[in-house]
Amino acid sequence: MKTVLVLCILLCAASAAPAEDKQQPAAAADAAVELVQEHLAAEPEDEMTKEEEELVPEDPVPVLEDARFNLCPRDWISYGSRCFLISSSYMTWYSAEEHCNSLGAQLASATSPQEYAALQQMTRLTGQSTAWLGGFNLQGQWMWIDRQGYYFDNFYAQSSVSSYPCIFLRPNHGWGNTNCGSVRSFICSRNMFGC
């Protein structure tokens, strides 16, 4: 980390210096690279001290932002660059997606363990036992309705995809899949900046 910081400072200083001729900036950049190499050779990067290691939580709990300080609409919860709305209404997967669309959103995707943990926390806070997510199976391929890449898979128990092609969140486990015609609460998601 120190190395990156030193490199950034040296490169900024080299590029900010006034150039008397066209070859001087290149010489300054070369000098900066040499200084960084010397720094690396002279001082190995420090490892975390015992005290610093104790401050880093092993399994961080996602922090949901206070609605007063974000760009999400009222009653929406901010996490990362997206806004989430947990609905207490019960609808089929298709009706839930239509409802989210009417709000300028889509059923939520969970693209990382941290994001899924945040969605679980939101669901627990609103007292819901399960909630629809925007995951579905089309011709043997899992995907998200909001076109996010399906790179994170978190099934607790997977049922037959031909009969149960829609994904729902479980507040205490990984997600499950079931018939899209069953009714559940749901989570809508939209980009915080409206793009």
N, C-alpha and C. Protein backbone atom coordinates (compact mmCIF):
# COMPACT_ATOMS: atom_id res chain seq x y z
N MET A 1 0.83 -1.18 0.00
CA MET A 1 0.00 0.00 0.00
C MET A 1 0.87 1.25 0.00
N LYS A 2 1.95 1.22 0.83
CA LYS A 2 2.85 2.36 0.87
C LYS A 2 3.49 2.60 -0.50
N THR A 3 3.82 1.51 -1.17
CA THR A 3 4.47 1.60 -2.47
C THR A 3 3.58 2.32 -3.47
N VAL A 4 2.31 1.95 -3.48
CA VAL A 4 1.37 2.58 -4.40
C VAL A 4 1.25 4.07 -4.10
N LEU A 5 1.17 4.40 -2.81
CA LEU A 5 1.06 5.80 -2.40
C LEU A 5 2.31 6.58 -2.82
N VAL A 6 3.47 6.02 -2.58
CA VAL A 6 4.72 6.70 -2.95
C VAL A 6 4.79 6.88 -4.46
N LEU A 7 4.42 5.85 -5.20
CA LEU A 7 4.43 5.93 -6.66
C LEU A 7 3.50 7.02 -7.15
N CYS A 8 2.30 7.09 -6.60
CA CYS A 8 1.34 8.14 -7.00
C CYS A 8 1.88 9.53 -6.72
N ILE A 9 2.45 9.71 -5.55
CA ILE A 9 2.99 11.03 -5.18
C ILE A 9 4.13 11.41 -6.12
N LEU A 10 5.02 10.48 -6.38
CA LEU A 10 6.16 10.78 -7.24
C LEU A 10 5.72 11.07 -8.67
N LEU A 11 4.79 10.30 -9.18
CA LEU A 11 4.31 10.55 -10.55
C LEU A 11 3.58 11.87 -10.65
N CYS A 12 2.79 12.21 -9.64
CA CYS A 12 2.10 13.51 -9.63
C CYS A 12 3.11 14.65 -9.59
N ALA A 13 4.11 14.50 -8.75
CA ALA A 13 5.12 15.55 -8.64
C ALA A 13 5.89 15.69 -9.96
N ALA A 14 6.18 14.55 -10.58
CA ALA A 14 6.93 14.61 -11.84
C ALA A 14 6.11 15.24 -12.95
N SER A 15 4.82 14.97 -12.98
CA SER A 15 4.00 15.55 -14.05
C SER A 15 3.64 17.00 -13.77
N ALA A 16 3.68 17.43 -12.50
CA ALA A 16 3.33 18.80 -12.16
C ALA A 16 4.50 19.77 -12.35
N ALA A 17 5.71 19.24 -12.40
CA ALA A 17 6.89 20.10 -12.55
C ALA A 17 6.89 20.74 -13.94
N PRO A 18 7.25 22.02 -14.04
CA PRO A 18 7.28 22.66 -15.36
C PRO A 18 8.37 22.05 -16.23
N ALA A 19 8.05 21.86 -17.48
CA ALA A 19 8.99 21.24 -18.42
C ALA A 19 9.71 22.32 -19.21
N GLU A 20 11.06 22.26 -19.22
CA GLU A 20 11.83 23.22 -19.99
C GLU A 20 12.00 22.74 -21.43
N ASP A 21 12.00 21.44 -21.61
CA ASP A 21 12.03 20.91 -22.97
C ASP A 21 11.22 19.62 -22.97
N LYS A 22 11.01 19.01 -24.12
CA LYS A 22 10.12 17.87 -24.24
C LYS A 22 10.70 16.61 -23.63
N GLN A 23 11.99 16.50 -23.43
CA GLN A 23 12.57 15.28 -22.89
C GLN A 23 12.62 15.31 -21.37
N GLN A 24 12.45 16.44 -20.73
CA GLN A 24 12.55 16.53 -19.28
C GLN A 24 11.43 15.77 -18.56
N PRO A 25 10.16 15.81 -19.00
CA PRO A 25 9.15 15.03 -18.28
C PRO A 25 9.44 13.54 -18.30
N ALA A 26 9.95 13.03 -19.39
CA ALA A 26 10.30 11.61 -19.45
C ALA A 26 11.41 11.31 -18.45
N ALA A 27 12.39 12.20 -18.35
CA ALA A 27 13.48 12.01 -17.40
C ALA A 27 12.96 12.05 -15.98
N ALA A 28 12.01 12.94 -15.71
CA ALA A 28 11.42 13.05 -14.37
C ALA A 28 10.65 11.78 -14.03
N ALA A 29 9.92 11.24 -15.00
CA ALA A 29 9.17 10.01 -14.77
C ALA A 29 10.12 8.85 -14.51
N ASP A 30 11.23 8.79 -15.28
CA ASP A 30 12.23 7.75 -15.07
C ASP A 30 12.83 7.87 -13.68
N ALA A 31 13.08 9.08 -13.25
CA ALA A 31 13.63 9.31 -11.92
C ALA A 31 12.64 8.85 -10.85
N ALA A 32 11.37 9.11 -11.08
CA ALA A 32 10.34 8.70 -10.12
C ALA A 32 10.28 7.18 -10.02
N VAL A 33 10.35 6.50 -11.15
CA VAL A 33 10.33 5.04 -11.16
C VAL A 33 11.55 4.50 -10.43
N GLU A 34 12.73 5.11 -10.66
CA GLU A 34 13.94 4.69 -9.96
C GLU A 34 13.80 4.86 -8.46
N LEU A 35 13.22 5.99 -8.02
CA LEU A 35 13.02 6.21 -6.59
C LEU A 35 12.11 5.15 -5.98
N VAL A 36 11.05 4.79 -6.69
CA VAL A 36 10.14 3.76 -6.19
C VAL A 36 10.86 2.42 -6.11
N GLN A 37 11.66 2.09 -7.12
CA GLN A 37 12.40 0.84 -7.09
C GLN A 37 13.38 0.81 -5.94
N GLU A 38 14.04 1.94 -5.69
CA GLU A 38 14.95 2.02 -4.55
C GLU A 38 14.19 1.84 -3.25
N HIS A 39 13.00 2.46 -3.17
CA HIS A 39 12.18 2.34 -1.97
C HIS A 39 11.79 0.89 -1.73
N LEU A 40 11.43 0.19 -2.81
CA LEU A 40 11.05 -1.21 -2.68
C LEU A 40 12.23 -2.06 -2.23
N ALA A 41 13.39 -1.79 -2.76
CA ALA A 41 14.56 -2.58 -2.41
C ALA A 41 15.02 -2.28 -0.99
N ALA A 42 14.92 -1.03 -0.57
CA ALA A 42 15.43 -0.62 0.73
C ALA A 42 14.48 -1.00 1.86
N GLU A 43 13.17 -0.91 1.65
CA GLU A 43 12.23 -1.10 2.74
C GLU A 43 11.12 -2.05 2.32
N PRO A 44 11.10 -3.26 2.86
CA PRO A 44 10.00 -4.17 2.53
C PRO A 44 8.69 -3.62 3.08
N GLU A 45 7.61 -3.90 2.38
CA GLU A 45 6.32 -3.37 2.81
C GLU A 45 5.94 -3.98 4.15
N ASP A 46 5.49 -3.10 5.05
CA ASP A 46 5.10 -3.54 6.38
C ASP A 46 3.86 -4.42 6.32
N GLU A 47 3.80 -5.38 7.22
CA GLU A 47 2.60 -6.19 7.35
C GLU A 47 1.74 -5.55 8.43
N MET A 48 0.48 -5.96 8.48
CA MET A 48 -0.41 -5.41 9.50
C MET A 48 0.11 -5.80 10.88
N THR A 49 0.00 -4.86 11.78
CA THR A 49 0.36 -5.17 13.16
C THR A 49 -0.78 -5.97 13.77
N LYS A 50 -0.52 -6.58 14.90
CA LYS A 50 -1.52 -7.40 15.59
C LYS A 50 -2.75 -6.56 15.92
N GLU A 51 -2.52 -5.30 16.36
CA GLU A 51 -3.64 -4.42 16.71
C GLU A 51 -4.50 -4.11 15.49
N GLU A 52 -3.87 -3.87 14.33
CA GLU A 52 -4.61 -3.57 13.11
C GLU A 52 -5.42 -4.78 12.66
N GLU A 53 -4.85 -5.99 12.81
CA GLU A 53 -5.56 -7.19 12.41
C GLU A 53 -6.81 -7.39 13.25
N GLU A 54 -6.74 -7.03 14.55
CA GLU A 54 -7.90 -7.20 15.42
C GLU A 54 -9.01 -6.23 15.06
N LEU A 55 -8.68 -5.09 14.44
CA LEU A 55 -9.69 -4.11 14.07
C LEU A 55 -10.45 -4.49 12.81
N VAL A 56 -9.90 -5.39 12.00
CA VAL A 56 -10.56 -5.80 10.76
C VAL A 56 -11.52 -6.94 11.10
N PRO A 57 -12.84 -6.74 10.89
CA PRO A 57 -13.79 -7.80 11.21
C PRO A 57 -13.63 -8.98 10.25
N GLU A 58 -13.81 -10.19 10.77
CA GLU A 58 -13.67 -11.38 9.94
C GLU A 58 -14.81 -11.49 8.93
N ASP A 59 -16.04 -11.27 9.36
CA ASP A 59 -17.20 -11.38 8.48
C ASP A 59 -17.96 -10.06 8.58
N PRO A 60 -17.58 -9.06 7.78
CA PRO A 60 -18.19 -7.76 7.93
C PRO A 60 -19.68 -7.77 7.63
N VAL A 61 -20.43 -7.07 8.49
CA VAL A 61 -21.86 -6.91 8.29
C VAL A 61 -22.05 -5.69 7.39
N PRO A 62 -22.85 -5.81 6.34
CA PRO A 62 -23.04 -4.66 5.45
C PRO A 62 -23.67 -3.49 6.20
N VAL A 63 -23.21 -2.31 5.86
CA VAL A 63 -23.73 -1.11 6.50
C VAL A 63 -24.74 -0.47 5.56
N LEU A 64 -25.96 -0.37 6.03
CA LEU A 64 -27.00 0.27 5.25
C LEU A 64 -27.00 1.74 5.62
N GLU A 65 -27.03 2.58 4.60
CA GLU A 65 -26.91 4.01 4.83
C GLU A 65 -28.22 4.61 5.32
N ASP A 66 -28.12 5.64 6.12
CA ASP A 66 -29.28 6.38 6.60
C ASP A 66 -29.95 7.08 5.42
N ALA A 67 -31.25 6.92 5.28
CA ALA A 67 -31.98 7.47 4.13
C ALA A 67 -31.89 8.99 4.04
N ARG A 68 -31.56 9.67 5.13
CA ARG A 68 -31.46 11.13 5.08
C ARG A 68 -30.24 11.60 4.30
N PHE A 69 -29.27 10.73 4.11
CA PHE A 69 -28.01 11.14 3.51
C PHE A 69 -27.70 10.42 2.21
N ASN A 70 -28.72 10.05 1.45
CA ASN A 70 -28.45 9.37 0.19
C ASN A 70 -29.34 9.93 -0.91
N LEU A 71 -29.16 9.42 -2.10
CA LEU A 71 -29.89 9.92 -3.25
C LEU A 71 -31.07 9.04 -3.62
N CYS A 72 -31.49 8.19 -2.73
CA CYS A 72 -32.61 7.29 -3.00
C CYS A 72 -33.94 7.97 -2.65
N PRO A 73 -35.01 7.55 -3.34
CA PRO A 73 -36.32 8.09 -2.99
C PRO A 73 -36.72 7.71 -1.57
N ARG A 74 -37.71 8.39 -1.05
CA ARG A 74 -38.20 8.12 0.30
C ARG A 74 -38.64 6.66 0.40
N ASP A 75 -38.34 6.03 1.51
CA ASP A 75 -38.67 4.63 1.82
C ASP A 75 -37.76 3.62 1.11
N TRP A 76 -36.81 4.07 0.30
CA TRP A 76 -35.87 3.18 -0.35
C TRP A 76 -34.60 3.14 0.51
N ILE A 77 -33.90 2.04 0.46
CA ILE A 77 -32.68 1.86 1.25
C ILE A 77 -31.48 1.90 0.31
N SER A 78 -30.47 2.64 0.69
CA SER A 78 -29.27 2.78 -0.12
C SER A 78 -28.25 1.72 0.28
N TYR A 79 -27.67 1.08 -0.74
CA TYR A 79 -26.54 0.18 -0.52
C TYR A 79 -25.71 0.21 -1.78
N GLY A 80 -24.43 0.52 -1.65
CA GLY A 80 -23.56 0.64 -2.82
C GLY A 80 -24.07 1.78 -3.69
N SER A 81 -24.23 1.52 -4.97
CA SER A 81 -24.71 2.56 -5.89
C SER A 81 -26.16 2.33 -6.27
N ARG A 82 -26.85 1.48 -5.49
CA ARG A 82 -28.24 1.19 -5.82
C ARG A 82 -29.17 1.51 -4.66
N CYS A 83 -30.43 1.66 -5.01
CA CYS A 83 -31.50 1.89 -4.04
C CYS A 83 -32.39 0.66 -4.05
N PHE A 84 -32.82 0.22 -2.87
CA PHE A 84 -33.64 -0.98 -2.74
C PHE A 84 -34.93 -0.65 -2.00
N LEU A 85 -36.00 -1.27 -2.44
CA LEU A 85 -37.30 -1.13 -1.78
C LEU A 85 -37.80 -2.53 -1.46
N ILE A 86 -38.06 -2.78 -0.18
CA ILE A 86 -38.62 -4.06 0.24
C ILE A 86 -40.13 -3.88 0.32
N SER A 87 -40.84 -4.63 -0.48
CA SER A 87 -42.30 -4.52 -0.51
C SER A 87 -42.92 -5.46 0.50
N SER A 88 -43.93 -4.98 1.19
CA SER A 88 -44.66 -5.85 2.11
C SER A 88 -45.85 -6.50 1.41
N SER A 89 -46.11 -6.10 0.16
CA SER A 89 -47.17 -6.73 -0.64
C SER A 89 -46.69 -8.09 -1.10
N TYR A 90 -47.62 -9.00 -1.32
CA TYR A 90 -47.28 -10.33 -1.81
C TYR A 90 -47.79 -10.45 -3.24
N MET A 91 -46.89 -10.80 -4.14
CA MET A 91 -47.22 -10.93 -5.56
C MET A 91 -46.48 -12.10 -6.17
N THR A 92 -46.91 -12.50 -7.36
CA THR A 92 -46.14 -13.49 -8.11
C THR A 92 -44.86 -12.81 -8.60
N TRP A 93 -43.92 -13.61 -9.06
CA TRP A 93 -42.65 -13.05 -9.55
C TRP A 93 -42.91 -12.08 -10.69
N TYR A 94 -43.79 -12.46 -11.63
CA TYR A 94 -44.08 -11.61 -12.79
C TYR A 94 -44.75 -10.30 -12.38
N SER A 95 -45.73 -10.38 -11.47
CA SER A 95 -46.41 -9.16 -11.00
C SER A 95 -45.46 -8.26 -10.22
N ALA A 96 -44.57 -8.89 -9.45
CA ALA A 96 -43.58 -8.12 -8.69
C ALA A 96 -42.67 -7.36 -9.64
N GLU A 97 -42.23 -8.01 -10.73
CA GLU A 97 -41.37 -7.34 -11.71
C GLU A 97 -42.12 -6.18 -12.37
N GLU A 98 -43.39 -6.39 -12.71
CA GLU A 98 -44.18 -5.31 -13.30
C GLU A 98 -44.33 -4.14 -12.32
N HIS A 99 -44.55 -4.46 -11.04
CA HIS A 99 -44.68 -3.39 -10.03
C HIS A 99 -43.37 -2.61 -9.91
N CYS A 100 -42.25 -3.33 -9.87
CA CYS A 100 -40.95 -2.65 -9.80
C CYS A 100 -40.75 -1.77 -11.02
N ASN A 101 -41.12 -2.27 -12.21
CA ASN A 101 -41.00 -1.47 -13.44
C ASN A 101 -41.80 -0.19 -13.35
N SER A 102 -42.98 -0.25 -12.73
CA SER A 102 -43.82 0.95 -12.60
C SER A 102 -43.16 2.00 -11.70
N LEU A 103 -42.19 1.56 -10.89
CA LEU A 103 -41.45 2.47 -10.01
C LEU A 103 -40.10 2.88 -10.61
N GLY A 104 -39.87 2.50 -11.85
CA GLY A 104 -38.58 2.80 -12.49
C GLY A 104 -37.47 1.88 -12.02
N ALA A 105 -37.83 0.68 -11.59
CA ALA A 105 -36.87 -0.26 -11.03
C ALA A 105 -37.11 -1.65 -11.62
N GLN A 106 -36.38 -2.62 -11.10
CA GLN A 106 -36.55 -4.02 -11.46
C GLN A 106 -36.37 -4.85 -10.20
N LEU A 107 -36.76 -6.11 -10.27
CA LEU A 107 -36.47 -6.98 -9.14
C LEU A 107 -34.96 -7.00 -8.92
N ALA A 108 -34.56 -7.05 -7.68
CA ALA A 108 -33.15 -6.91 -7.32
C ALA A 108 -32.31 -8.12 -7.70
N SER A 109 -31.07 -7.85 -8.05
CA SER A 109 -30.08 -8.90 -8.26
C SER A 109 -29.14 -8.88 -7.06
N ALA A 110 -28.49 -10.00 -6.81
CA ALA A 110 -27.48 -10.09 -5.75
C ALA A 110 -26.20 -10.56 -6.42
N THR A 111 -25.29 -9.64 -6.66
CA THR A 111 -24.11 -9.95 -7.47
C THR A 111 -22.85 -10.27 -6.66
N SER A 112 -22.96 -10.24 -5.33
CA SER A 112 -21.81 -10.56 -4.49
C SER A 112 -22.31 -11.04 -3.12
N PRO A 113 -21.45 -11.72 -2.36
CA PRO A 113 -21.87 -12.14 -1.02
C PRO A 113 -22.24 -10.95 -0.13
N GLN A 114 -21.53 -9.84 -0.27
CA GLN A 114 -21.82 -8.66 0.54
C GLN A 114 -23.19 -8.08 0.20
N GLU A 115 -23.49 -8.03 -1.09
CA GLU A 115 -24.78 -7.49 -1.51
C GLU A 115 -25.92 -8.41 -1.05
N TYR A 116 -25.70 -9.71 -1.15
CA TYR A 116 -26.74 -10.64 -0.68
C TYR A 116 -26.94 -10.50 0.82
N ALA A 117 -25.87 -10.34 1.58
CA ALA A 117 -25.98 -10.15 3.03
C ALA A 117 -26.75 -8.87 3.34
N ALA A 118 -26.53 -7.82 2.56
CA ALA A 118 -27.27 -6.57 2.76
C ALA A 118 -28.75 -6.77 2.47
N LEU A 119 -29.07 -7.50 1.41
CA LEU A 119 -30.47 -7.78 1.09
C LEU A 119 -31.12 -8.63 2.18
N GLN A 120 -30.38 -9.59 2.72
CA GLN A 120 -30.90 -10.39 3.82
C GLN A 120 -31.19 -9.51 5.03
N GLN A 121 -30.26 -8.60 5.32
CA GLN A 121 -30.44 -7.70 6.47
C GLN A 121 -31.67 -6.82 6.26
N MET A 122 -31.84 -6.29 5.05
CA MET A 122 -33.02 -5.46 4.75
C MET A 122 -34.30 -6.25 4.94
N THR A 123 -34.30 -7.48 4.46
CA THR A 123 -35.49 -8.32 4.56
C THR A 123 -35.83 -8.62 6.01
N ARG A 124 -34.81 -8.94 6.81
CA ARG A 124 -35.04 -9.20 8.24
C ARG A 124 -35.58 -7.95 8.94
N LEU A 125 -34.99 -6.78 8.62
CA LEU A 125 -35.42 -5.54 9.27
C LEU A 125 -36.88 -5.20 8.98
N THR A 126 -37.37 -5.61 7.82
CA THR A 126 -38.77 -5.33 7.48
C THR A 126 -39.70 -6.46 7.90
N GLY A 127 -39.17 -7.50 8.53
CA GLY A 127 -39.99 -8.58 9.07
C GLY A 127 -40.49 -9.58 8.04
N GLN A 128 -39.90 -9.61 6.87
CA GLN A 128 -40.32 -10.54 5.83
C GLN A 128 -39.61 -11.88 6.02
N SER A 129 -40.30 -12.96 5.68
CA SER A 129 -39.69 -14.28 5.82
C SER A 129 -38.95 -14.70 4.54
N THR A 130 -39.41 -14.26 3.37
CA THR A 130 -38.73 -14.50 2.10
C THR A 130 -39.06 -13.32 1.19
N ALA A 131 -38.35 -13.21 0.08
CA ALA A 131 -38.63 -12.13 -0.88
C ALA A 131 -38.13 -12.54 -2.26
N TRP A 132 -38.90 -12.17 -3.29
CA TRP A 132 -38.46 -12.43 -4.65
C TRP A 132 -37.23 -11.61 -4.98
N LEU A 133 -36.30 -12.22 -5.68
CA LEU A 133 -35.18 -11.54 -6.31
C LEU A 133 -35.40 -11.62 -7.82
N GLY A 134 -34.61 -10.93 -8.58
CA GLY A 134 -34.78 -10.89 -10.02
C GLY A 134 -34.10 -12.01 -10.77
N GLY A 135 -33.76 -13.09 -10.12
CA GLY A 135 -33.11 -14.21 -10.79
C GLY A 135 -34.11 -15.17 -11.40
N PHE A 136 -33.79 -15.66 -12.57
CA PHE A 136 -34.66 -16.63 -13.24
C PHE A 136 -33.81 -17.53 -14.13
N ASN A 137 -34.38 -18.67 -14.49
CA ASN A 137 -33.68 -19.63 -15.32
C ASN A 137 -34.35 -19.67 -16.68
N LEU A 138 -33.56 -19.48 -17.71
CA LEU A 138 -34.05 -19.52 -19.08
C LEU A 138 -33.19 -20.51 -19.85
N GLN A 139 -33.80 -21.59 -20.31
CA GLN A 139 -33.12 -22.63 -21.08
C GLN A 139 -31.86 -23.15 -20.39
N GLY A 140 -31.98 -23.41 -19.09
CA GLY A 140 -30.88 -23.98 -18.32
C GLY A 140 -29.82 -22.99 -17.87
N GLN A 141 -30.03 -21.71 -18.09
CA GLN A 141 -29.06 -20.67 -17.74
C GLN A 141 -29.68 -19.71 -16.72
N TRP A 142 -29.01 -19.54 -15.56
CA TRP A 142 -29.49 -18.57 -14.57
C TRP A 142 -29.07 -17.18 -14.99
N MET A 143 -29.94 -16.21 -14.82
CA MET A 143 -29.63 -14.81 -15.14
C MET A 143 -30.46 -13.88 -14.27
N TRP A 144 -30.07 -12.60 -14.29
CA TRP A 144 -30.77 -11.56 -13.54
C TRP A 144 -31.61 -10.73 -14.50
N ILE A 145 -32.81 -10.38 -14.08
CA ILE A 145 -33.72 -9.59 -14.91
C ILE A 145 -33.17 -8.19 -15.19
N ASP A 146 -32.32 -7.67 -14.30
CA ASP A 146 -31.75 -6.33 -14.50
C ASP A 146 -30.48 -6.34 -15.35
N ARG A 147 -30.18 -7.49 -15.95
CA ARG A 147 -29.05 -7.68 -16.88
C ARG A 147 -27.67 -7.65 -16.20
N GLN A 148 -27.64 -7.75 -14.89
CA GLN A 148 -26.36 -7.89 -14.19
C GLN A 148 -25.81 -9.26 -14.54
N GLY A 149 -24.49 -9.39 -14.52
CA GLY A 149 -23.88 -10.69 -14.79
C GLY A 149 -24.17 -11.67 -13.67
N TYR A 150 -24.44 -12.89 -14.00
CA TYR A 150 -24.71 -13.93 -12.99
C TYR A 150 -23.40 -14.64 -12.66
N TYR A 151 -22.58 -13.98 -11.84
CA TYR A 151 -21.27 -14.51 -11.49
C TYR A 151 -21.23 -15.05 -10.07
N PHE A 152 -22.21 -14.72 -9.27
CA PHE A 152 -22.28 -15.14 -7.87
C PHE A 152 -23.48 -16.07 -7.72
N ASP A 153 -23.23 -17.28 -7.28
CA ASP A 153 -24.28 -18.27 -7.11
C ASP A 153 -24.36 -18.61 -5.63
N ASN A 154 -25.56 -18.57 -5.07
CA ASN A 154 -25.69 -18.74 -3.63
C ASN A 154 -26.91 -19.59 -3.27
N PHE A 155 -27.13 -20.68 -3.98
CA PHE A 155 -28.27 -21.53 -3.67
C PHE A 155 -28.05 -22.26 -2.36
N TYR A 156 -29.06 -22.22 -1.50
CA TYR A 156 -29.04 -23.03 -0.27
C TYR A 156 -29.43 -24.46 -0.65
N ALA A 157 -30.49 -24.58 -1.43
CA ALA A 157 -30.94 -25.85 -1.97
C ALA A 157 -31.64 -25.52 -3.28
N GLN A 158 -31.21 -26.17 -4.34
CA GLN A 158 -31.78 -25.87 -5.65
C GLN A 158 -32.79 -26.94 -6.03
N SER A 159 -33.99 -26.49 -6.41
CA SER A 159 -35.03 -27.40 -6.88
C SER A 159 -34.92 -27.52 -8.39
N SER A 160 -35.75 -28.35 -8.97
CA SER A 160 -35.76 -28.54 -10.42
C SER A 160 -36.01 -27.21 -11.13
N VAL A 161 -35.10 -26.83 -12.03
CA VAL A 161 -35.23 -25.54 -12.70
C VAL A 161 -36.36 -25.53 -13.72
N SER A 162 -36.74 -26.68 -14.24
CA SER A 162 -37.83 -26.69 -15.22
C SER A 162 -39.17 -26.37 -14.56
N SER A 163 -39.36 -26.77 -13.33
CA SER A 163 -40.61 -26.49 -12.62
C SER A 163 -40.52 -25.24 -11.73
N TYR A 164 -39.31 -24.89 -11.32
CA TYR A 164 -39.12 -23.80 -10.36
C TYR A 164 -38.04 -22.83 -10.85
N PRO A 165 -38.36 -21.99 -11.84
CA PRO A 165 -37.32 -21.16 -12.47
C PRO A 165 -37.07 -19.78 -11.85
N CYS A 166 -37.72 -19.43 -10.75
CA CYS A 166 -37.54 -18.08 -10.18
C CYS A 166 -36.86 -18.13 -8.81
N ILE A 167 -35.96 -17.18 -8.57
CA ILE A 167 -35.15 -17.14 -7.34
C ILE A 167 -35.81 -16.26 -6.28
N PHE A 168 -35.77 -16.77 -5.04
CA PHE A 168 -36.23 -15.97 -3.89
C PHE A 168 -35.14 -15.96 -2.83
N LEU A 169 -35.14 -14.90 -2.03
CA LEU A 169 -34.17 -14.72 -0.96
C LEU A 169 -34.67 -15.39 0.31
N ARG A 170 -33.75 -15.96 1.03
CA ARG A 170 -34.03 -16.49 2.37
C ARG A 170 -33.25 -15.62 3.34
N PRO A 171 -33.89 -15.08 4.36
CA PRO A 171 -33.17 -14.18 5.27
C PRO A 171 -32.03 -14.81 6.05
N ASN A 172 -32.06 -16.14 6.24
CA ASN A 172 -31.03 -16.78 7.05
C ASN A 172 -30.16 -17.77 6.29
N HIS A 173 -30.40 -17.94 5.00
CA HIS A 173 -29.63 -18.90 4.20
C HIS A 173 -29.44 -18.31 2.81
N GLY A 174 -28.80 -19.10 1.97
CA GLY A 174 -28.69 -18.72 0.56
C GLY A 174 -30.06 -18.74 -0.09
N TRP A 175 -30.10 -18.35 -1.35
CA TRP A 175 -31.41 -18.27 -2.00
C TRP A 175 -31.91 -19.64 -2.42
N GLY A 176 -33.20 -19.65 -2.81
CA GLY A 176 -33.84 -20.86 -3.29
C GLY A 176 -34.55 -20.54 -4.59
N ASN A 177 -35.07 -21.56 -5.24
CA ASN A 177 -35.85 -21.33 -6.45
C ASN A 177 -37.19 -22.04 -6.32
N THR A 178 -38.21 -21.43 -6.89
CA THR A 178 -39.55 -21.99 -6.78
C THR A 178 -40.38 -21.58 -7.98
N ASN A 179 -41.64 -21.98 -7.97
CA ASN A 179 -42.58 -21.65 -9.03
C ASN A 179 -42.81 -20.14 -9.06
N CYS A 180 -42.72 -19.53 -10.22
CA CYS A 180 -42.86 -18.09 -10.36
C CYS A 180 -44.28 -17.60 -10.05
N GLY A 181 -45.25 -18.52 -10.04
CA GLY A 181 -46.63 -18.15 -9.77
C GLY A 181 -46.98 -18.09 -8.30
N SER A 182 -46.07 -18.52 -7.42
CA SER A 182 -46.35 -18.41 -5.99
C SER A 182 -46.20 -16.94 -5.57
N VAL A 183 -46.80 -16.58 -4.45
CA VAL A 183 -46.76 -15.18 -4.02
C VAL A 183 -45.80 -15.00 -2.85
N ARG A 184 -45.05 -13.91 -2.91
CA ARG A 184 -44.06 -13.55 -1.88
C ARG A 184 -43.93 -12.04 -1.85
N SER A 185 -43.30 -11.53 -0.80
CA SER A 185 -42.88 -10.13 -0.84
C SER A 185 -41.72 -10.07 -1.84
N PHE A 186 -41.23 -8.88 -2.14
CA PHE A 186 -40.19 -8.77 -3.15
C PHE A 186 -39.32 -7.56 -2.90
N ILE A 187 -38.18 -7.52 -3.57
CA ILE A 187 -37.22 -6.42 -3.44
C ILE A 187 -37.02 -5.79 -4.81
N CYS A 188 -37.30 -4.49 -4.89
CA CYS A 188 -37.04 -3.74 -6.12
C CYS A 188 -35.68 -3.07 -5.99
N SER A 189 -35.04 -2.85 -7.10
CA SER A 189 -33.72 -2.21 -7.12
C SER A 189 -33.65 -1.24 -8.29
N ARG A 190 -32.99 -0.12 -8.05
CA ARG A 190 -32.73 0.84 -9.13
C ARG A 190 -31.42 1.54 -8.88
N ASN A 191 -30.83 2.03 -9.94
CA ASN A 191 -29.57 2.74 -9.83
C ASN A 191 -29.80 4.05 -9.07
N MET A 192 -28.93 4.35 -8.14
CA MET A 192 -29.08 5.55 -7.32
C MET A 192 -29.09 6.83 -8.17
N PHE A 193 -28.39 6.82 -9.29
CA PHE A 193 -28.25 8.01 -10.10
C PHE A 193 -29.23 8.04 -11.26
N GLY A 194 -30.14 7.08 -11.30
CA GLY A 194 -31.18 7.08 -12.31
C GLY A 194 -30.72 6.70 -13.71
N CYS A 195 -29.56 6.08 -13.84
CA CYS A 195 -29.04 5.69 -15.14
C CYS A 195 -29.35 4.25 -15.41
